[in-house]
Amino acid sequence: MWPGINVRFHNPLVRHPRSSTVGATATSTLVVFLAACGGGGAGSTAPGPSPGPGGYPGGAEIIVWGDSWTSGIGASNGNSFPEQLAALTGRSVFNAGVSGQTSDQIVARQGGVPARLTLQNDAIPDSGPVTIEDQSTIPVTAEGPGPLPGTLSGVHGTLSFVSGLLFIRDLPGTSVTVPALSPFNPDAFDSRTVINVFWIGGNNFFNPDQVKADIASAVGFLLTSNFVVLGILNAGSEPAGTASYNEVIQLNADLAATYPDNFIDVRSILVQGYDASNPADVLDYANDVPPTSLRNDDQHPNDVGYSLAAAHVATFIQVRGW
């Protein structure tokens, strides 16, 4: 499965892949790396429609695409960002967060830039699973989202992760030749027409051109202008003056300039939400990092931190009459 895999390791001059104390049992060295990028634990679903086979099921009024900040790392049960957004808006919200994923992995699940796959023997067999031997990105990992339904070379089936990527067609049929690096188009259901919230790039902010291109593709895939782009966060260990801080600030500035009517600077909201009576928070504020009182760990907000993000998104949606 793994020969030719495209995995981008972090620049040694910036932080190591973002991680969480909540981990998943790894099935390979690559899985360990992927799990470390954004923390462990699969995403949860906010009140609303139950998820289909690993993907967006249709029927939600808001869908949130992201990584561990979306899936709920750092939040207690029922208090992830999408769940709090659902409670505040009274809308059904689907949590499309998968911990550890980079912008290209997330957008491959969304459909903006479909993953390109090379199959064993360059063919979909008449029945049963086939191993993916190479891919442009990995939309499904050990962290989630589970079997992802979609179409490959005209054949509908699911993309799964079982010690590696596998594609299995829905129904037996004639074997189909599949050229190398053919696109896998995930089922979009009605996700292109509802309110979309994108909180992506936290695991590959050090590659800003990739993040910006992926967000542009995700937005371009929509059939609506009702979308929100959220700025990424710097960690507590990334104060003003560090290389990572500078990269985060510049990326957020670029996103704000590109989407002036659809961007929310969550990072600044959290920084401004510090407790002036808390010495740790005062120091965090001086360092321009999200305050300790709003964080569960170095990188992830806690329930209160996520509530601030959810409140601003809910207000944003309400003001625009979406």
Foldseek 3Di string as FASTA:
>chain_A
DPPAEDDDFDDPQDDGAAEAPAFDDDPDPVLVRQCGNFYAAAADFAPWDDDDQQARDDGFQEEEFEECLQSAPQEDPQQRLQNLLCVLQVTGYTRNYFHRDALVLRLCLQQLDPKFFAWDVQKAAQFDKTFTPYIPHHNAGPRGSGWFWFDWPRFTFTWGDDVHTITGGPHGDHMGGHDGRTGTGTDNHQVQEHEYEYEHHQSPLVCLVVNVVSVVSSVVSHPDPRYAYEQFFDFLVAFPPRPVVVSSVVSLVVVCVVCVLHYDHLLQQQLVPFDPVDVQSVVSNVRSHRGPVQGSDRGHGYSVSSSSVSVVVSVSCVVVVD
